[in-house]
Amino acid sequence: MSTAPNEVIILGAGIGGLTLALSLHQAGIACRVYEAVPALRPLGVGINLLPHAVRELSELGLLDALDAVGVRTQEAVFFTEHGQLVFREPAGQHAGYDWPQYSIHRGDLQTVLLNETRKRLGPDSVQCGHRCTGVEQDADGVTVHFADGRTPVRGAVAVGCDGIHSALRKQLYPNEGAPRYSGINMWRGTAAWKPFLSGGSMVRAGWLTVGKMVIYPIRNDIDDQGRQLVNWVAEIHAPQPAMRDWSRAGRLEDFLPAFADWHFDWLDVPALILASDTILEYPMVDQDPLPRWSHGRLTLLGDAAHPMVPRGSNGAGQAIIDARFLAGAMKREGVGIAALETYDRVRVKATTDVVLTNRSNPPDTILREVFERSGGRRVENLDAIVTQQELQAISDHYKRVAGYDPAALKARASYL
């Protein structure tokens, strides 16, 4: 058995696990990451990093690396399914934050975090091919067991950062029910495309009843034509969920007809979809919030702790904040049960609020209000049915719930 009695054992080398490793290293706390897959590859498609998450990555000194691979988001823009502008507001530093907002390929972000972890903590700080099968704990520490005859490892605490299929979550909650289906399936893809609107716009358009799109660029200048890599997500109400597999291929005929007429002056949406090399299908699912994540010397983080429907650009951001808060608690209270209890007390409540708000009133509630009040019809004067003040209030409410209200974020002390 490998023994490191004061080391934090991190299960999973995703965004949350690698941010935790970097944050613990910054706090002077020893750790090691164990990842199930044999080799890490840049998987996934686009995600957004809101200012509260970027603040944490800034404190880790990662902004230059993010600028090299991502796009600084300039604005959030909402349109009807008829292509009419509903609402727009600036984003990141354009909105007065001290930190930018990024649209970025998930694989690019993970690669930045992985490279920095190996650079700062050493080349053996992330061990691949270690699929956790269970964790034991006693008064002095934890013992983590792996599949395929891998040698167990010993540490002070274990943190499950192993995603939606978390082995540690299943161990702690063996009788948990099936994922909760939201009634929405989504299809995702990326395409090389010329810049549209500001070149840093995050667009939400339409509504789930008839078809909704989320579209934003995630890489700049990908070729000699100055095109961007543009990420898109199509979302539609559906009676049955798709298979819960991030790599499942999607079929155009299942969703493209809903957007066939979306030829707008700001973007030709069906042409963008048809220009994509790969299309992935996934159901919008989450899990009911857990009563607690920390059980003695074991705890959960990120998607393993609080999987949420992706309607607030907040999943990766909340994992990053989990990691920074937990590292700060360990720095102040030591690597042990007390720090895990503090983390549990604060972060379970905070993320429960986000999970439930993502179900009912995420930012795209702006589109729901317009669709329901217009009956889905084209209305020339949208302000006559819903005011800009009402729409701004929806956006501001979500910022408060999710933890990135501008004034509150600026006033909050650093987690570390």
Protein backbone atom coordinates (compact mmCIF):
# COMPACT_ATOMS: atom_id res chain seq x y z
CA MET A 1 0.00 0.00 0.00
CA SER A 2 1.20 3.48 -0.90
CA THR A 3 1.16 5.63 2.24
CA ALA A 4 1.02 9.43 2.49
CA PRO A 5 -0.84 10.05 5.76
CA ASN A 6 -1.18 13.83 5.37
CA GLU A 7 -2.06 13.83 1.68
CA VAL A 8 -5.45 14.74 0.20
CA ILE A 9 -6.60 12.04 -2.20
CA ILE A 10 -8.50 13.57 -5.15
CA LEU A 11 -10.61 11.15 -7.18
CA GLY A 12 -11.05 12.54 -10.69
CA ALA A 13 -9.01 14.83 -12.95
CA GLY A 14 -11.84 16.93 -14.30
CA ILE A 15 -12.22 20.68 -13.83
CA GLY A 16 -13.11 20.42 -10.16
CA GLY A 17 -10.42 17.90 -9.24
CA LEU A 18 -7.60 19.75 -10.99
CA THR A 19 -8.69 23.12 -9.57
CA LEU A 20 -8.66 21.53 -6.12
CA ALA A 21 -5.14 20.18 -6.70
CA LEU A 22 -3.85 23.60 -7.76
CA SER A 23 -5.62 25.31 -4.87
CA LEU A 24 -4.29 22.87 -2.27
CA HIS A 25 -0.79 23.32 -3.66
CA GLN A 26 -1.24 27.10 -3.38
CA ALA A 27 -2.28 26.57 0.25
CA GLY A 28 0.79 24.40 0.96
CA ILE A 29 -1.21 21.17 1.30
CA ALA A 30 0.01 17.90 -0.24
CA CYS A 31 -2.34 16.10 -2.63
CA ARG A 32 -2.47 13.64 -5.49
CA VAL A 33 -5.06 13.12 -8.23
CA TYR A 34 -6.25 9.67 -9.32
CA GLU A 35 -8.16 9.48 -12.61
CA ALA A 36 -10.08 6.47 -13.92
CA VAL A 37 -9.35 6.79 -17.65
CA PRO A 38 -6.03 5.46 -19.01
CA ALA A 39 -5.14 8.82 -20.60
CA LEU A 40 -6.68 12.28 -20.45
CA ARG A 41 -7.92 13.68 -23.76
CA PRO A 42 -9.59 17.05 -24.41
CA LEU A 43 -13.25 15.97 -24.54
CA GLY A 44 -16.51 17.90 -24.52
CA VAL A 45 -17.70 21.08 -26.16
CA GLY A 46 -18.24 24.63 -24.99
CA ILE A 47 -18.79 25.94 -21.48
CA ASN A 48 -18.96 29.39 -19.95
CA LEU A 49 -16.91 30.61 -17.02
CA LEU A 50 -18.75 33.40 -15.23
CA PRO A 51 -16.86 36.08 -13.27
CA HIS A 52 -17.18 34.32 -9.91
CA ALA A 53 -15.34 31.29 -11.31
CA VAL A 54 -12.82 33.37 -13.26
CA ARG A 55 -11.96 35.22 -10.05
CA GLU A 56 -10.78 31.90 -8.59
CA LEU A 57 -8.76 31.00 -11.68
CA SER A 58 -7.27 34.50 -11.68
CA GLU A 59 -6.07 33.95 -8.11
CA LEU A 60 -4.34 30.82 -9.42
CA GLY A 61 -2.56 32.93 -12.06
CA LEU A 62 -4.30 31.36 -15.05
CA LEU A 63 -5.74 34.30 -17.01
CA ASP A 64 -2.96 34.40 -19.61
CA ALA A 65 -3.43 30.69 -20.27
CA LEU A 66 -7.20 31.15 -20.58
CA ASP A 67 -6.79 34.07 -22.96
CA ALA A 68 -4.64 31.88 -25.19
CA VAL A 69 -7.41 29.32 -25.72
CA GLY A 70 -10.77 30.96 -24.89
CA VAL A 71 -12.94 33.93 -25.86
CA ARG A 72 -13.69 36.79 -23.48
CA THR A 73 -17.47 37.08 -23.50
CA GLN A 74 -18.61 40.62 -24.17
CA GLU A 75 -22.38 40.35 -23.89
CA ALA A 76 -25.37 38.12 -23.25
CA VAL A 77 -28.07 38.52 -25.92
CA PHE A 78 -31.60 37.08 -26.09
CA PHE A 79 -33.73 36.71 -29.23
CA THR A 80 -37.16 35.27 -30.01
CA GLU A 81 -37.56 32.30 -32.33
CA HIS A 82 -38.40 34.93 -34.97
CA GLY A 83 -34.95 36.49 -34.61
CA GLN A 84 -36.15 39.60 -32.74
CA LEU A 85 -33.89 41.11 -30.11
CA VAL A 86 -35.43 40.70 -26.64
CA PHE A 87 -32.71 41.77 -24.20
CA ARG A 88 -28.99 42.31 -24.06
CA GLU A 89 -26.57 43.11 -21.28
CA PRO A 90 -22.78 43.37 -21.08
CA ALA A 91 -20.78 40.52 -19.59
CA GLY A 92 -17.61 40.19 -17.53
CA GLN A 93 -15.40 43.26 -17.41
CA HIS A 94 -17.71 44.94 -19.93
CA ALA A 95 -20.34 44.83 -17.16
CA GLY A 96 -18.05 46.35 -14.53
CA TYR A 97 -16.70 43.15 -12.97
CA ASP A 98 -13.07 43.01 -11.92
CA TRP A 99 -12.79 39.70 -13.77
CA PRO A 100 -13.70 38.66 -17.32
CA GLN A 101 -16.18 36.03 -18.43
CA TYR A 102 -14.90 33.31 -20.77
CA SER A 103 -16.50 31.08 -23.36
CA ILE A 104 -14.16 28.14 -23.76
CA HIS A 105 -13.93 24.55 -24.95
CA ARG A 106 -14.19 22.28 -21.94
CA GLY A 107 -11.24 20.26 -23.20
CA ASP A 108 -9.11 23.40 -23.52
CA LEU A 109 -9.88 24.39 -19.94
CA GLN A 110 -9.09 20.92 -18.64
CA THR A 111 -5.82 20.92 -20.58
CA VAL A 112 -4.81 24.27 -19.05
CA LEU A 113 -5.55 22.94 -15.58
CA LEU A 114 -3.79 19.62 -16.23
CA ASN A 115 -0.65 21.24 -17.61
CA GLU A 116 -0.45 23.64 -14.67
CA THR A 117 -1.02 20.84 -12.16
CA ARG A 118 1.81 18.75 -13.58
CA LYS A 119 4.04 21.82 -13.85
CA ARG A 120 3.48 22.99 -10.29
CA LEU A 121 2.92 19.72 -8.43
CA GLY A 122 5.13 17.44 -10.50
CA PRO A 123 4.65 15.04 -13.44
CA ASP A 124 3.37 12.23 -11.20
CA SER A 125 0.78 14.40 -9.43
CA VAL A 126 -1.99 13.07 -11.71
CA GLN A 127 -2.17 9.28 -11.94
CA CYS A 128 -4.33 7.92 -14.77
CA GLY A 129 -5.75 4.42 -15.02
CA HIS A 130 -6.89 4.38 -11.39
CA ARG A 131 -10.62 3.63 -11.23
CA CYS A 132 -11.84 3.87 -7.67
CA THR A 133 -13.87 0.91 -6.41
CA GLY A 134 -14.34 2.05 -2.83
CA VAL A 135 -12.89 4.04 0.05
CA GLU A 136 -12.48 2.95 3.66
CA GLN A 137 -11.90 5.36 6.52
CA ASP A 138 -10.74 5.07 10.10
CA ALA A 139 -9.72 7.42 12.88
CA ASP A 140 -6.40 8.27 11.20
CA GLY A 141 -7.19 8.51 7.51
CA VAL A 142 -8.61 6.86 4.39
CA THR A 143 -7.67 3.93 2.20
CA VAL A 144 -8.67 4.16 -1.46
CA HIS A 145 -9.05 0.96 -3.48
CA PHE A 146 -8.79 0.71 -7.25
CA ALA A 147 -9.76 -1.76 -9.98
CA ASP A 148 -7.42 -4.01 -11.96
CA GLY A 149 -5.11 -4.82 -9.06
CA ARG A 150 -3.86 -1.27 -8.58
CA THR A 151 -2.17 -0.75 -5.23
CA PRO A 152 -4.45 0.94 -2.66
CA VAL A 153 -3.37 4.36 -1.44
CA ARG A 154 -3.55 5.89 1.99
CA GLY A 155 -4.24 9.55 2.77
CA ALA A 156 -5.80 11.95 5.25
CA VAL A 157 -9.08 12.56 3.39
CA ALA A 158 -10.64 11.59 0.05
CA VAL A 159 -12.56 13.97 -2.21
CA GLY A 160 -14.82 12.54 -4.91
CA CYS A 161 -14.43 14.75 -7.98
CA ASP A 162 -15.40 11.89 -10.27
CA GLY A 163 -18.38 13.39 -12.06
CA ILE A 164 -21.95 12.34 -12.68
CA HIS A 165 -21.14 8.62 -12.35
CA SER A 166 -19.19 9.11 -9.12
CA ALA A 167 -18.09 5.92 -7.41
CA LEU A 168 -17.80 7.71 -4.08
CA ARG A 169 -21.31 9.17 -4.34
CA LYS A 170 -22.67 5.68 -5.05
CA GLN A 171 -20.82 4.38 -2.00
CA LEU A 172 -22.21 7.12 0.24
CA TYR A 173 -25.74 6.96 -1.23
CA PRO A 174 -26.20 3.41 -2.55
CA ASN A 175 -30.00 3.67 -2.72
CA GLU A 176 -30.22 7.00 -4.49
CA GLY A 177 -32.88 7.23 -7.16
CA ALA A 178 -32.45 7.65 -10.88
CA PRO A 179 -31.50 11.02 -12.40
CA ARG A 180 -34.37 13.51 -12.63
CA TYR A 181 -35.24 14.22 -16.26
CA SER A 182 -36.21 17.83 -16.95
CA GLY A 183 -38.30 16.99 -20.00
CA ILE A 184 -35.69 18.48 -22.31
CA ASN A 185 -33.18 16.83 -24.61
CA MET A 186 -30.26 18.73 -26.06
CA TRP A 187 -27.94 18.38 -29.03
CA ARG A 188 -24.53 20.01 -29.13
CA GLY A 189 -21.86 20.72 -31.68
CA THR A 190 -19.19 23.14 -32.89
CA ALA A 191 -18.46 24.65 -36.28
CA ALA A 192 -15.92 26.99 -37.84
CA TRP A 193 -17.78 30.23 -38.48
CA LYS A 194 -17.13 33.87 -39.12
CA PRO A 195 -17.59 36.13 -36.05
CA PHE A 196 -21.19 37.26 -35.49
CA LEU A 197 -22.64 40.17 -33.51
CA SER A 198 -19.82 41.45 -31.24
CA GLY A 199 -17.54 38.47 -31.86
CA GLY A 200 -17.89 37.72 -28.15
CA SER A 201 -21.67 37.36 -27.83
CA MET A 202 -23.44 34.60 -25.95
CA VAL A 203 -26.83 34.15 -27.64
CA ARG A 204 -29.94 32.48 -26.26
CA ALA A 205 -32.86 32.32 -28.70
CA GLY A 206 -36.34 30.80 -29.01
CA TRP A 207 -37.99 28.75 -26.30
CA LEU A 208 -38.10 25.08 -25.31
CA THR A 209 -41.66 24.51 -26.53
CA VAL A 210 -40.72 25.23 -30.14
CA GLY A 211 -36.93 24.97 -29.96
CA LYS A 212 -34.26 26.94 -28.16
CA MET A 213 -30.65 27.61 -29.11
CA VAL A 214 -27.60 28.70 -27.14
CA ILE A 215 -24.75 29.87 -29.39
CA TYR A 216 -21.34 31.38 -28.59
CA PRO A 217 -17.73 31.33 -29.86
CA ILE A 218 -15.15 29.37 -27.86
CA ARG A 219 -11.91 29.87 -29.87
CA ASN A 220 -10.66 32.84 -31.87
CA ASP A 221 -8.82 32.94 -35.20
CA ILE A 222 -8.83 29.21 -35.87
CA ASP A 223 -7.85 29.61 -39.54
CA ASP A 224 -6.46 32.10 -42.06
CA GLN A 225 -9.99 33.40 -42.65
CA GLY A 226 -10.25 34.71 -39.09
CA ARG A 227 -13.07 32.35 -38.23
CA GLN A 228 -13.98 31.28 -34.73
CA LEU A 229 -14.93 27.90 -33.34
CA VAL A 230 -18.60 28.44 -32.50
CA ASN A 231 -20.39 26.25 -29.97
CA TRP A 232 -24.14 25.65 -30.25
CA VAL A 233 -26.70 23.83 -28.14
CA ALA A 234 -30.20 22.95 -29.38
CA GLU A 235 -32.83 22.26 -26.70
CA ILE A 236 -36.37 20.92 -27.19
CA HIS A 237 -39.06 19.48 -24.93
CA ALA A 238 -39.23 15.70 -25.37
CA PRO A 239 -41.29 13.03 -23.57
CA GLN A 240 -38.42 10.56 -23.30
CA PRO A 241 -34.83 11.31 -22.22
CA ALA A 242 -31.86 10.51 -24.39
CA MET A 243 -29.22 8.15 -23.01
CA ARG A 244 -27.07 9.75 -20.28
CA ASP A 245 -23.79 9.46 -22.15
CA TRP A 246 -21.74 12.58 -22.93
CA SER A 247 -20.24 10.96 -26.04
CA ARG A 248 -23.50 9.71 -27.60
CA ALA A 249 -23.88 10.82 -31.22
CA GLY A 250 -27.01 12.79 -32.17
CA ARG A 251 -29.09 12.71 -35.35
CA LEU A 252 -29.97 15.83 -37.35
CA GLU A 253 -33.47 14.62 -38.12
CA ASP A 254 -34.34 14.61 -34.41
CA PHE A 255 -33.94 18.36 -33.97
CA LEU A 256 -32.96 20.28 -37.13
CA PRO A 257 -36.55 20.68 -38.42
CA ALA A 258 -37.34 22.90 -35.41
CA PHE A 259 -34.71 25.40 -36.58
CA ALA A 260 -35.02 25.04 -40.36
CA ASP A 261 -36.40 28.58 -40.79
CA TRP A 262 -33.95 30.34 -38.46
CA HIS A 263 -32.24 32.42 -41.15
CA PHE A 264 -31.58 35.68 -39.31
CA ASP A 265 -29.59 38.74 -40.28
CA TRP A 266 -27.24 38.07 -37.36
CA LEU A 267 -26.79 34.33 -38.02
CA ASP A 268 -27.95 31.53 -40.31
CA VAL A 269 -28.64 28.92 -37.63
CA PRO A 270 -29.36 25.81 -39.76
CA ALA A 271 -26.25 26.49 -41.85
CA LEU A 272 -24.19 26.65 -38.64
CA ILE A 273 -25.60 23.32 -37.48
CA LEU A 274 -24.96 21.69 -40.86
CA ALA A 275 -21.35 22.91 -40.81
CA SER A 276 -20.61 20.92 -37.65
CA ASP A 277 -18.40 17.83 -37.86
CA THR A 278 -19.87 16.04 -34.83
CA ILE A 279 -23.20 16.29 -33.03
CA LEU A 280 -23.74 14.96 -29.53
CA GLU A 281 -27.06 14.21 -27.83
CA TYR A 282 -27.72 14.35 -24.10
CA PRO A 283 -30.72 14.65 -21.79
CA MET A 284 -31.04 17.60 -19.43
CA VAL A 285 -30.96 15.77 -16.13
CA ASP A 286 -29.92 16.50 -12.59
CA GLN A 287 -30.17 14.82 -9.20
CA ASP A 288 -32.16 15.94 -6.20
CA PRO A 289 -29.79 17.81 -3.87
CA LEU A 290 -28.11 15.66 -1.22
CA PRO A 291 -28.54 16.48 2.48
CA ARG A 292 -24.78 16.38 2.96
CA TRP A 293 -21.61 15.56 1.04
CA SER A 294 -19.11 15.09 3.89
CA HIS A 295 -19.11 11.84 5.82
CA GLY A 296 -16.17 11.79 8.20
CA ARG A 297 -13.06 11.96 6.05
CA LEU A 298 -14.92 11.59 2.75
CA THR A 299 -16.61 14.30 0.71
CA LEU A 300 -17.86 15.14 -2.78
CA LEU A 301 -17.19 18.04 -5.16
CA GLY A 302 -18.51 19.37 -8.48
CA ASP A 303 -20.81 17.15 -10.55
CA ALA A 304 -20.30 14.29 -8.10
CA ALA A 305 -21.90 16.50 -5.44
CA HIS A 306 -24.45 18.62 -7.31
CA PRO A 307 -25.19 17.68 -10.95
CA MET A 308 -27.41 20.41 -12.38
CA VAL A 309 -29.27 21.03 -15.61
CA PRO A 310 -27.04 23.24 -17.81
CA ARG A 311 -29.31 26.26 -18.02
CA GLY A 312 -27.28 28.82 -16.10
CA SER A 313 -23.70 28.40 -17.43
CA ASN A 314 -22.81 27.41 -13.91
CA GLY A 315 -21.84 23.73 -13.59
CA ALA A 316 -18.10 24.13 -14.09
CA GLY A 317 -18.12 27.41 -12.18
CA GLN A 318 -19.67 25.89 -9.08
CA ALA A 319 -17.11 23.05 -9.18
CA ILE A 320 -14.30 25.61 -9.28
CA ILE A 321 -15.80 27.47 -6.33
CA ASP A 322 -16.23 24.20 -4.41
CA ALA A 323 -12.55 23.49 -4.90
CA ARG A 324 -11.36 26.90 -3.79
CA PHE A 325 -13.63 26.97 -0.74
CA LEU A 326 -12.55 23.48 0.34
CA ALA A 327 -8.86 24.32 -0.06
CA GLY A 328 -9.36 27.47 1.99
CA ALA A 329 -11.15 25.53 4.74
CA MET A 330 -8.28 23.04 4.90
CA LYS A 331 -5.75 25.86 5.01
CA ARG A 332 -7.50 27.39 8.02
CA GLU A 333 -8.72 24.29 9.86
CA GLY A 334 -6.27 21.59 8.85
CA VAL A 335 -6.66 18.55 6.63
CA GLY A 336 -9.35 16.64 8.43
CA ILE A 337 -12.97 16.28 9.43
CA ALA A 338 -13.45 19.85 10.70
CA ALA A 339 -12.61 21.41 7.33
CA LEU A 340 -14.86 18.97 5.49
CA GLU A 341 -17.73 19.85 7.85
CA THR A 342 -17.26 23.58 7.22
CA TYR A 343 -17.20 22.96 3.48
CA ASP A 344 -20.35 20.87 3.74
CA ARG A 345 -22.22 23.44 5.81
CA VAL A 346 -21.59 26.28 3.36
CA ARG A 347 -21.41 24.73 -0.08
CA VAL A 348 -24.32 22.27 0.15
CA LYS A 349 -26.75 25.13 0.81
CA ALA A 350 -25.22 27.40 -1.85
CA THR A 351 -25.29 24.80 -4.62
CA THR A 352 -28.72 23.48 -3.65
CA ASP A 353 -30.05 26.96 -4.34
CA VAL A 354 -28.39 26.95 -7.78
CA VAL A 355 -29.64 23.44 -8.67
CA LEU A 356 -33.23 24.35 -7.80
CA THR A 357 -33.06 27.74 -9.53
CA ASN A 358 -31.67 26.11 -12.68
CA ARG A 359 -34.80 23.96 -12.71
CA SER A 360 -37.26 26.83 -12.37
CA ASN A 361 -35.84 30.29 -13.07
CA PRO A 362 -32.46 30.27 -14.82
CA PRO A 363 -31.42 33.19 -17.07
CA ASP A 364 -33.40 31.82 -20.01
CA THR A 365 -36.57 32.55 -18.02
CA ILE A 366 -36.30 35.80 -19.99
CA LEU A 367 -37.21 33.83 -23.12
CA ARG A 368 -40.00 31.97 -21.35
CA GLU A 369 -41.64 35.22 -20.30
CA VAL A 370 -41.61 36.58 -23.83
CA PHE A 371 -42.84 33.33 -25.38
CA GLU A 372 -45.70 32.89 -22.92
CA ARG A 373 -46.86 36.50 -23.07
CA SER A 374 -46.69 36.60 -26.87
CA GLY A 375 -48.14 33.13 -27.37
CA GLY A 376 -45.19 32.45 -29.62
CA ARG A 377 -46.38 35.03 -32.12
CA ARG A 378 -44.23 37.74 -33.62
CA VAL A 379 -44.96 40.95 -31.70
CA GLU A 380 -43.46 44.10 -33.16
CA ASN A 381 -43.29 45.97 -29.85
CA LEU A 382 -41.96 43.47 -27.33
CA ASP A 383 -41.63 46.14 -24.66
CA ALA A 384 -45.40 46.37 -24.64
CA ILE A 385 -45.72 42.83 -23.27
CA VAL A 386 -42.63 42.66 -21.03
CA THR A 387 -40.43 45.56 -19.97
CA GLN A 388 -36.67 45.71 -20.00
CA GLN A 389 -36.80 46.31 -16.24
CA GLU A 390 -38.62 43.01 -15.72
CA LEU A 391 -36.06 41.16 -17.81
CA GLN A 392 -33.15 42.82 -16.00
CA ALA A 393 -34.68 41.73 -12.69
CA ILE A 394 -34.68 38.09 -13.86
CA SER A 395 -31.00 38.32 -14.77
CA ASP A 396 -30.07 40.07 -11.53
CA HIS A 397 -31.92 37.50 -9.41
CA TYR A 398 -29.93 34.66 -10.94
CA LYS A 399 -26.65 36.48 -10.33
CA ARG A 400 -27.51 36.79 -6.65
CA VAL A 401 -28.48 33.12 -6.30
CA ALA A 402 -25.42 31.86 -8.18
CA GLY A 403 -22.96 34.09 -6.35
CA TYR A 404 -21.87 36.57 -8.99
CA ASP A 405 -23.77 39.71 -8.10
CA PRO A 406 -21.15 42.33 -9.03
CA ALA A 407 -21.02 44.23 -5.74
CA ALA A 408 -21.17 41.12 -3.55
CA LEU A 409 -18.48 39.33 -5.57
CA LYS A 410 -16.13 42.31 -5.37
CA ALA A 411 -16.69 42.68 -1.61
CA ARG A 412 -16.20 39.00 -0.75
CA ALA A 413 -12.88 38.02 0.79
CA SER A 414 -10.71 35.48 -1.02
CA TYR A 415 -11.40 31.85 -0.14
CA LEU A 416 -7.67 31.32 0.29
